[in-house]
Amino acid sequence: MIMKDFHCSFCALFKLAFFSRPATINIAASAPLIKEKERWKLMRNIFIGIGIFTGLITVFLFYNHKQLPAEEDVFQNTENWSSVTEEVYFVKKIDGDWLTIFRNRDAIMMGRLEQNWLGYWELRGDEGYKSTLISTYYPPMEDDEFTWSASGSSGETSSYYFGQIINPMINRIEVETKKDFFEDALIISDGGAQFFFVESEDEMLMPVNIRAFTETGELIYSTIKPIYR
């Protein structure tokens, strides 16, 4: 009886060892399925990563485009200039444009700030390059009523007039932008400093005629003829 049981057990082990299919064949048979699952898992992770990256970029751009320009933007835009910015007088939105007035050791400049596609603010001129709109000399001369500068050449459809008001008696400034037509300048006051600015859609008229008046309307200065008081 014992021998019979032993024989049966031996036969069973013999069949299992030599006639049954190895387990490795089953693993090999399922390998393509495993690889396919891994491939889909990898693709899923790639798509999830792309979605997260796109979402982060969208949030970044949305956040940047919501930011208003600040004095720091002016300093960053001019940090590599040959003469560094020493003071930013103001950054304000005027007639739909973000304008800034700042100075270095030699000049006071007015510039326009515009956002690039990333949402960063840059100084841009009319040609689209990084530049200012107009500048005037600094510091002013001892006997200056105001400093001034005009920008625009023949054939250009716009011109700029800009300067710093020195005489505290000056209340109004007007610029001859067309023959016998004077336009009141925008007076900008900030931190005790005063500036004037005119943007004209006409070519710059020569000679440049800028006039300054007191609060009572008295003409006290003209760029083309002396005023005797």
Protein backbone atom coordinates (compact mmCIF):
# COMPACT_ATOMS: atom_id res chain seq x y z
CA MET A 1 0.00 0.00 0.00
CA ILE A 2 2.85 2.28 0.88
CA MET A 3 4.67 1.42 -2.33
CA LYS A 4 1.52 2.09 -4.37
CA ASP A 5 1.12 5.53 -2.81
CA PHE A 6 4.80 6.24 -3.38
CA HIS A 7 4.49 5.21 -7.04
CA CYS A 8 1.50 7.46 -7.57
CA SER A 9 3.30 10.37 -5.94
CA PHE A 10 6.41 9.75 -8.05
CA CYS A 11 4.36 9.63 -11.25
CA ALA A 12 2.65 12.86 -10.35
CA LEU A 13 5.98 14.60 -9.73
CA PHE A 14 7.39 13.18 -12.97
CA LYS A 15 4.46 14.51 -15.02
CA LEU A 16 4.68 17.86 -13.33
CA ALA A 17 8.40 18.17 -14.03
CA PHE A 18 8.47 16.93 -17.63
CA PHE A 19 5.03 17.27 -19.17
CA SER A 20 3.42 20.37 -17.65
CA ARG A 21 4.05 23.81 -19.40
CA PRO A 22 6.58 25.90 -17.53
CA ALA A 23 5.29 28.93 -15.65
CA THR A 24 7.70 31.13 -17.60
CA ILE A 25 5.73 30.46 -20.77
CA ASN A 26 2.64 31.94 -19.17
CA ILE A 27 4.64 35.02 -18.14
CA ALA A 28 6.06 35.31 -21.62
CA ALA A 29 2.61 35.00 -23.10
CA SER A 30 1.32 37.83 -20.90
CA ALA A 31 4.35 40.10 -21.59
CA PRO A 32 2.74 41.97 -24.54
CA LEU A 33 -0.28 42.73 -22.38
CA ILE A 34 1.95 44.03 -19.58
CA LYS A 35 3.94 46.16 -22.02
CA GLU A 36 0.73 47.57 -23.49
CA LYS A 37 -0.51 48.52 -20.02
CA GLU A 38 2.84 50.17 -19.23
CA ARG A 39 2.70 52.06 -22.53
CA TRP A 40 -0.78 53.41 -21.79
CA LYS A 41 0.30 54.30 -18.25
CA LEU A 42 3.29 56.21 -19.64
CA MET A 43 1.10 58.04 -22.17
CA ARG A 44 -1.37 58.92 -19.45
CA ASN A 45 1.40 60.37 -17.28
CA ILE A 46 2.71 62.37 -20.25
CA PHE A 47 -0.73 63.84 -20.94
CA ILE A 48 -1.21 64.63 -17.25
CA GLY A 49 2.20 66.35 -17.19
CA ILE A 50 1.36 68.37 -20.30
CA GLY A 51 -1.96 69.39 -18.75
CA ILE A 52 -0.30 70.48 -15.50
CA PHE A 53 2.40 72.40 -17.39
CA THR A 54 -0.18 74.12 -19.60
CA GLY A 55 -2.22 75.02 -16.54
CA LEU A 56 0.79 76.51 -14.76
CA ILE A 57 1.74 78.55 -17.83
CA THR A 58 -1.85 79.81 -18.13
CA VAL A 59 -1.93 80.85 -14.47
CA PHE A 60 1.49 82.50 -14.84
CA LEU A 61 0.43 84.50 -17.91
CA PHE A 62 -2.93 85.44 -16.38
CA TYR A 63 -1.22 86.64 -13.20
CA ASN A 64 1.45 88.63 -15.04
CA HIS A 65 -1.04 90.33 -17.36
CA LYS A 66 -3.05 91.46 -14.34
CA GLN A 67 -0.05 93.27 -12.83
CA LEU A 68 0.13 97.06 -13.15
CA PRO A 69 3.45 98.73 -13.99
CA ALA A 70 5.53 100.03 -11.11
CA GLU A 71 8.69 102.03 -10.54
CA GLU A 72 10.64 98.77 -10.27
CA ASP A 73 9.78 98.01 -13.91
CA VAL A 74 11.48 101.24 -14.96
CA PHE A 75 14.62 100.43 -12.98
CA GLN A 76 14.73 96.91 -14.48
CA ASN A 77 14.28 98.22 -18.03
CA THR A 78 17.15 100.67 -17.68
CA GLU A 79 19.57 98.71 -15.50
CA ASN A 80 21.89 97.98 -18.43
CA TRP A 81 21.91 101.51 -19.85
CA SER A 82 25.21 103.37 -19.88
CA SER A 83 23.80 105.87 -17.39
CA VAL A 84 21.70 104.18 -14.73
CA THR A 85 18.35 105.51 -13.55
CA GLU A 86 18.65 107.44 -10.30
CA GLU A 87 15.03 108.45 -9.72
CA VAL A 88 11.59 107.53 -11.00
CA TYR A 89 9.19 110.45 -10.58
CA PHE A 90 6.00 108.61 -11.39
CA VAL A 91 4.23 105.84 -13.29
CA LYS A 92 0.67 106.77 -14.29
CA LYS A 93 -1.99 105.91 -16.82
CA ILE A 94 -2.72 108.98 -18.95
CA ASP A 95 -5.19 108.94 -21.85
CA GLY A 96 -5.03 105.15 -22.07
CA ASP A 97 -1.20 104.90 -22.01
CA TRP A 98 1.02 104.00 -19.09
CA LEU A 99 3.61 106.78 -18.94
CA THR A 100 6.62 107.26 -16.73
CA ILE A 101 9.06 110.09 -16.05
CA PHE A 102 12.50 109.21 -14.69
CA ARG A 103 16.02 110.58 -14.73
CA ASN A 104 19.67 109.67 -14.68
CA ARG A 105 22.55 112.05 -13.97
CA ASP A 106 22.28 113.77 -17.37
CA ALA A 107 18.65 113.79 -18.48
CA ILE A 108 15.00 113.55 -17.53
CA MET A 109 13.07 111.19 -19.77
CA MET A 110 9.47 110.34 -20.50
CA GLY A 111 8.63 106.84 -21.66
CA ARG A 112 5.68 104.62 -22.46
CA LEU A 113 5.32 101.25 -20.73
CA GLU A 114 3.75 98.36 -22.64
CA GLN A 115 3.31 94.70 -21.74
CA ASN A 116 4.97 91.99 -23.81
CA TRP A 117 3.32 88.62 -24.45
CA LEU A 118 4.66 87.27 -21.15
CA GLY A 119 3.06 90.16 -19.27
CA TYR A 120 6.30 91.96 -18.39
CA TRP A 121 6.33 95.76 -18.75
CA GLU A 122 8.82 97.29 -21.20
CA LEU A 123 9.71 100.79 -22.31
CA ARG A 124 8.58 101.13 -25.93
CA GLY A 125 8.95 103.95 -28.43
CA ASP A 126 6.70 104.64 -31.40
CA GLU A 127 8.75 102.29 -33.59
CA GLY A 128 8.22 99.39 -31.18
CA TYR A 129 11.83 99.32 -29.96
CA LYS A 130 12.98 99.69 -26.38
CA SER A 131 13.39 103.43 -26.03
CA THR A 132 11.94 106.56 -24.48
CA LEU A 133 9.57 109.01 -26.13
CA ILE A 134 11.48 112.19 -25.36
CA SER A 135 14.03 113.62 -22.92
CA THR A 136 15.36 116.94 -21.71
CA TYR A 137 18.63 117.90 -20.05
CA TYR A 138 19.33 117.67 -16.33
CA PRO A 139 20.13 119.46 -14.10
CA PRO A 140 18.48 122.71 -15.21
CA MET A 141 20.43 125.93 -15.69
CA GLU A 142 20.32 128.52 -12.94
CA ASP A 143 18.18 131.02 -14.89
CA ASP A 144 15.83 128.47 -16.52
CA GLU A 145 12.09 129.11 -16.28
CA PHE A 146 11.60 125.56 -17.55
CA THR A 147 13.59 123.02 -19.48
CA TRP A 148 12.14 121.75 -22.73
CA SER A 149 12.63 119.43 -25.65
CA ALA A 150 10.72 118.62 -28.83
CA SER A 151 10.80 115.35 -30.75
CA GLY A 152 9.59 114.69 -34.27
CA SER A 153 10.95 115.02 -37.79
CA SER A 154 9.59 115.82 -41.22
CA GLY A 155 7.25 113.13 -42.47
CA GLU A 156 6.38 111.79 -39.01
CA THR A 157 2.73 111.94 -38.06
CA SER A 158 3.31 112.65 -34.37
CA SER A 159 5.50 114.88 -32.26
CA TYR A 160 6.23 115.32 -28.57
CA TYR A 161 6.96 118.35 -26.38
CA PHE A 162 8.26 117.83 -22.89
CA GLY A 163 10.05 119.62 -20.09
CA GLN A 164 10.45 120.32 -16.38
CA ILE A 165 8.85 123.40 -14.88
CA ILE A 166 11.33 125.30 -12.72
CA ASN A 167 9.62 128.63 -11.99
CA PRO A 168 6.87 128.01 -9.39
CA MET A 169 4.90 130.96 -10.79
CA ILE A 170 4.18 129.03 -14.00
CA ASN A 171 0.60 127.78 -13.94
CA ARG A 172 -0.06 127.02 -17.59
CA ILE A 173 2.02 126.10 -20.65
CA GLU A 174 0.88 126.06 -24.25
CA VAL A 175 2.61 124.76 -27.36
CA GLU A 176 2.11 125.88 -30.96
CA THR A 177 1.46 122.51 -32.62
CA LYS A 178 0.13 124.02 -35.88
CA LYS A 179 0.52 127.44 -37.40
CA ASP A 180 -1.21 129.93 -35.05
CA PHE A 181 -2.80 127.09 -33.09
CA PHE A 182 -1.73 126.56 -29.48
CA GLU A 183 -2.46 123.47 -27.43
CA ASP A 184 -2.46 123.43 -23.64
CA ALA A 185 0.19 121.15 -22.21
CA LEU A 186 -0.60 118.51 -19.64
CA ILE A 187 0.90 119.61 -16.32
CA ILE A 188 2.15 116.69 -14.25
CA SER A 189 3.00 117.24 -10.58
CA ASP A 190 4.57 114.62 -8.39
CA GLY A 191 6.63 114.87 -5.22
CA GLY A 192 7.27 118.58 -5.65
CA ALA A 193 8.53 118.25 -9.23
CA GLN A 194 6.44 119.60 -12.12
CA PHE A 195 6.56 118.64 -15.78
CA PHE A 196 4.64 119.46 -18.94
CA PHE A 197 3.86 117.20 -21.86
CA VAL A 198 2.14 117.48 -25.22
CA GLU A 199 1.61 114.69 -27.74
CA SER A 200 0.53 116.07 -31.10
CA GLU A 201 -0.68 114.21 -34.18
CA ASP A 202 0.90 116.85 -36.40
CA GLU A 203 4.45 117.26 -37.61
CA MET A 204 6.68 119.29 -35.35
CA LEU A 205 6.34 122.99 -36.18
CA MET A 206 9.55 124.96 -36.45
CA PRO A 207 10.63 127.07 -34.70
CA VAL A 208 9.29 125.44 -31.57
CA ASN A 209 7.05 127.92 -29.78
CA ILE A 210 6.33 127.14 -26.12
CA ARG A 211 4.78 129.79 -23.87
CA ALA A 212 4.41 129.89 -20.09
CA PHE A 213 1.75 131.81 -18.14
CA THR A 214 1.11 132.66 -14.52
CA GLU A 215 -2.15 131.89 -12.72
CA THR A 216 -3.44 135.35 -13.67
CA GLY A 217 -2.71 134.70 -17.36
CA GLU A 218 0.46 136.82 -17.59
CA LEU A 219 2.89 135.60 -20.25
CA ILE A 220 6.26 135.24 -18.53
CA TYR A 221 8.27 133.11 -20.97
CA SER A 222 8.45 132.21 -24.65
CA THR A 223 10.95 130.01 -26.46
CA ILE A 224 11.00 132.22 -29.58
CA LYS A 225 11.03 135.73 -28.21
CA PRO A 226 12.18 137.39 -24.99
CA ILE A 227 9.60 138.57 -22.46
CA TYR A 228 10.41 141.83 -20.65
CA ARG A 229 8.84 142.36 -17.26
